[in-house]
Amino acid sequence: MSVRIVHFLLIALLFSSCAASRKARERQAKIDKVIETARSYTGVPYKYGGTTRSGMDCSGLLINSFRAIEFELPRTSEGQSKVGEKVKIKKLREGDLVFFATGKKKRVITHVGLVTDRKAVNDVRFIHASTSLGVVEANLFTDYYRKRYRGARRVIQ
């Protein structure tokens, strides 16, 4: 190989790694903005169909949070469960959506949350609008949520 080709390849490699790291930083900035927005609703009471600070449901919380980065989600948790790509529970990371069946039908998605932190394999925090507590963060691996967990999606690529 000539010296010119080697130099060209090294420069191309340098630029491609810079572009990849820039894209990763942009992705993380979007995730941080969504989580920051979701956390700004902490303590807002639960209201079925609610999308404001006077009352909010789980899918309304995520709609408002993702609007901060100009990303529109469907109105229902069921609809949101079809957006993005599937993620295995072991691969969850900040910004992923987690889905639950909290009603009588074990397969019907009725609840959604946003992963805010992954401290360990069995310590994944998510924010959601709880019917009893309003907007709060919880651990996915508590008995209640683990039994009702139905899957996850990554919408910010």
Protein backbone atom coordinates (compact mmCIF):
# COMPACT_ATOMS: atom_id res chain seq x y z
CA MET A 1 0.00 0.00 0.00
CA SER A 2 1.21 3.45 -0.79
CA VAL A 3 1.77 6.06 1.90
CA ARG A 4 -1.08 8.17 0.45
CA ILE A 5 -3.57 5.35 0.83
CA VAL A 6 -2.49 4.72 4.41
CA HIS A 7 -2.83 8.44 5.24
CA PHE A 8 -6.24 8.55 3.57
CA LEU A 9 -7.43 5.53 5.56
CA LEU A 10 -6.16 7.01 8.84
CA ILE A 11 -7.92 10.33 8.15
CA ALA A 12 -11.13 8.53 7.18
CA LEU A 13 -10.98 6.48 10.36
CA LEU A 14 -10.43 9.60 12.46
CA PHE A 15 -13.41 11.41 10.90
CA SER A 16 -15.70 8.40 11.19
CA SER A 17 -14.89 7.96 14.89
CA CYS A 18 -15.50 11.68 15.49
CA ALA A 19 -18.87 11.44 13.74
CA ALA A 20 -19.81 8.37 15.78
CA SER A 21 -18.91 10.04 19.08
CA ARG A 22 -20.78 13.20 18.04
CA LYS A 23 -23.87 11.12 17.27
CA ALA A 24 -23.56 9.36 20.65
CA ARG A 25 -23.31 12.74 22.43
CA GLU A 26 -26.37 14.04 20.56
CA ARG A 27 -28.32 10.89 21.46
CA GLN A 28 -27.35 11.21 25.14
CA ALA A 29 -28.33 14.90 25.16
CA LYS A 30 -31.80 13.95 23.87
CA ILE A 31 -32.17 11.23 26.51
CA ASP A 32 -31.05 13.62 29.25
CA LYS A 33 -33.60 16.22 28.09
CA VAL A 34 -36.44 13.66 28.06
CA ILE A 35 -35.54 12.40 31.56
CA GLU A 36 -35.13 15.94 32.91
CA THR A 37 -38.56 16.86 31.53
CA ALA A 38 -40.17 13.71 32.97
CA ARG A 39 -38.63 14.38 36.40
CA SER A 40 -40.00 17.94 36.34
CA TYR A 41 -43.45 16.33 36.71
CA THR A 42 -42.52 14.41 39.89
CA GLY A 43 -45.35 14.69 42.40
CA VAL A 44 -48.03 15.58 39.84
CA PRO A 45 -51.16 13.62 40.80
CA TYR A 46 -52.53 10.84 38.62
CA LYS A 47 -55.49 11.64 36.39
CA TYR A 48 -56.80 9.24 33.76
CA GLY A 49 -56.32 10.90 30.35
CA GLY A 50 -54.44 13.78 31.97
CA THR A 51 -51.59 15.60 30.23
CA THR A 52 -51.07 18.66 32.47
CA ARG A 53 -49.47 19.50 35.80
CA SER A 54 -52.88 19.39 37.44
CA GLY A 55 -53.12 15.67 36.62
CA MET A 56 -51.39 13.20 34.35
CA ASP A 57 -51.51 9.56 33.30
CA CYS A 58 -48.56 7.39 32.33
CA SER A 59 -48.74 7.84 28.56
CA GLY A 60 -49.41 11.57 28.98
CA LEU A 61 -46.20 11.86 31.01
CA LEU A 62 -44.20 10.29 28.19
CA ILE A 63 -45.90 12.33 25.48
CA ASN A 64 -44.95 15.54 27.30
CA SER A 65 -41.43 14.31 28.04
CA PHE A 66 -40.67 13.35 24.44
CA ARG A 67 -42.17 16.59 23.09
CA ALA A 68 -39.19 18.30 24.74
CA ILE A 69 -37.09 16.83 21.90
CA GLU A 70 -39.87 17.27 19.32
CA PHE A 71 -40.65 13.55 19.17
CA GLU A 72 -44.34 12.65 19.03
CA LEU A 73 -45.49 9.45 20.71
CA PRO A 74 -48.93 7.83 20.33
CA ARG A 75 -51.49 8.77 23.02
CA THR A 76 -51.86 5.37 24.69
CA SER A 77 -49.38 3.05 26.37
CA GLU A 78 -50.56 0.31 23.96
CA GLY A 79 -49.75 2.56 21.00
CA GLN A 80 -46.40 3.54 22.50
CA SER A 81 -45.51 -0.15 22.86
CA LYS A 82 -45.28 -0.38 19.07
CA VAL A 83 -42.80 2.50 18.56
CA GLY A 84 -39.04 1.95 18.24
CA GLU A 85 -37.20 -1.32 18.47
CA LYS A 86 -37.60 -4.08 21.05
CA VAL A 87 -35.04 -4.24 23.85
CA LYS A 88 -34.32 -7.19 26.11
CA ILE A 89 -34.59 -6.51 29.83
CA LYS A 90 -30.86 -7.22 30.30
CA LYS A 91 -30.02 -4.51 27.72
CA LEU A 92 -32.20 -1.72 29.17
CA ARG A 93 -30.65 1.72 29.36
CA GLU A 94 -31.70 5.29 30.11
CA GLY A 95 -34.38 6.58 27.77
CA ASP A 96 -35.97 3.20 27.02
CA LEU A 97 -39.71 2.72 27.47
CA VAL A 98 -40.91 -0.12 29.71
CA PHE A 99 -44.39 -1.62 29.42
CA PHE A 100 -46.69 -3.40 31.83
CA ALA A 101 -50.01 -5.24 31.91
CA THR A 102 -51.60 -3.96 35.11
CA GLY A 103 -55.21 -4.85 34.28
CA LYS A 104 -57.10 -8.14 34.40
CA LYS A 105 -55.87 -9.20 30.96
CA LYS A 106 -52.30 -10.37 31.37
CA ARG A 107 -51.24 -9.61 27.79
CA VAL A 108 -52.80 -6.17 27.28
CA ILE A 109 -50.39 -3.25 27.76
CA THR A 110 -51.99 -0.76 30.16
CA HIS A 111 -49.00 1.06 31.68
CA VAL A 112 -45.73 2.62 30.52
CA GLY A 113 -42.66 4.14 32.15
CA LEU A 114 -39.34 5.70 31.13
CA VAL A 115 -36.02 4.21 32.28
CA THR A 116 -34.12 6.92 34.16
CA ASP A 117 -31.18 4.98 35.58
CA ARG A 118 -29.59 1.57 35.53
CA LYS A 119 -27.58 1.05 38.70
CA ALA A 120 -27.16 -2.73 38.42
CA VAL A 121 -28.59 -5.73 36.61
CA ASN A 122 -31.50 -5.89 39.06
CA ASP A 123 -31.77 -2.16 39.85
CA VAL A 124 -33.38 -0.36 36.93
CA ARG A 125 -35.20 2.86 37.83
CA PHE A 126 -38.09 4.18 35.78
CA ILE A 127 -40.42 7.15 36.08
CA HIS A 128 -44.14 6.75 35.57
CA ALA A 129 -47.53 8.05 36.68
CA SER A 130 -48.78 5.72 39.41
CA THR A 131 -52.54 5.69 40.02
CA SER A 132 -51.95 5.87 43.78
CA LEU A 133 -48.79 8.02 44.05
CA GLY A 134 -48.80 10.23 40.95
CA VAL A 135 -45.55 10.75 39.04
CA VAL A 136 -42.77 8.84 40.84
CA GLU A 137 -39.65 6.81 40.16
CA ALA A 138 -39.61 3.11 41.01
CA ASN A 139 -37.41 0.03 40.65
CA LEU A 140 -38.46 -2.25 37.80
CA PHE A 141 -37.38 -5.29 39.83
CA THR A 142 -39.84 -4.91 42.69
CA ASP A 143 -42.23 -7.86 42.81
CA TYR A 144 -45.20 -5.78 41.63
CA TYR A 145 -43.59 -4.42 38.45
CA ARG A 146 -41.50 -7.50 37.62
CA LYS A 147 -44.64 -9.69 37.56
CA ARG A 148 -46.45 -7.25 35.27
CA TYR A 149 -43.53 -6.36 32.98
CA ARG A 150 -44.29 -7.10 29.31
CA GLY A 151 -41.38 -5.61 27.37
CA ALA A 152 -39.35 -2.56 26.42
CA ARG A 153 -38.69 -0.36 23.42
CA ARG A 154 -35.88 2.01 22.43
CA VAL A 155 -37.21 5.04 20.60
CA ILE A 156 -34.14 7.29 20.68
CA GLN A 157 -31.53 5.71 18.43
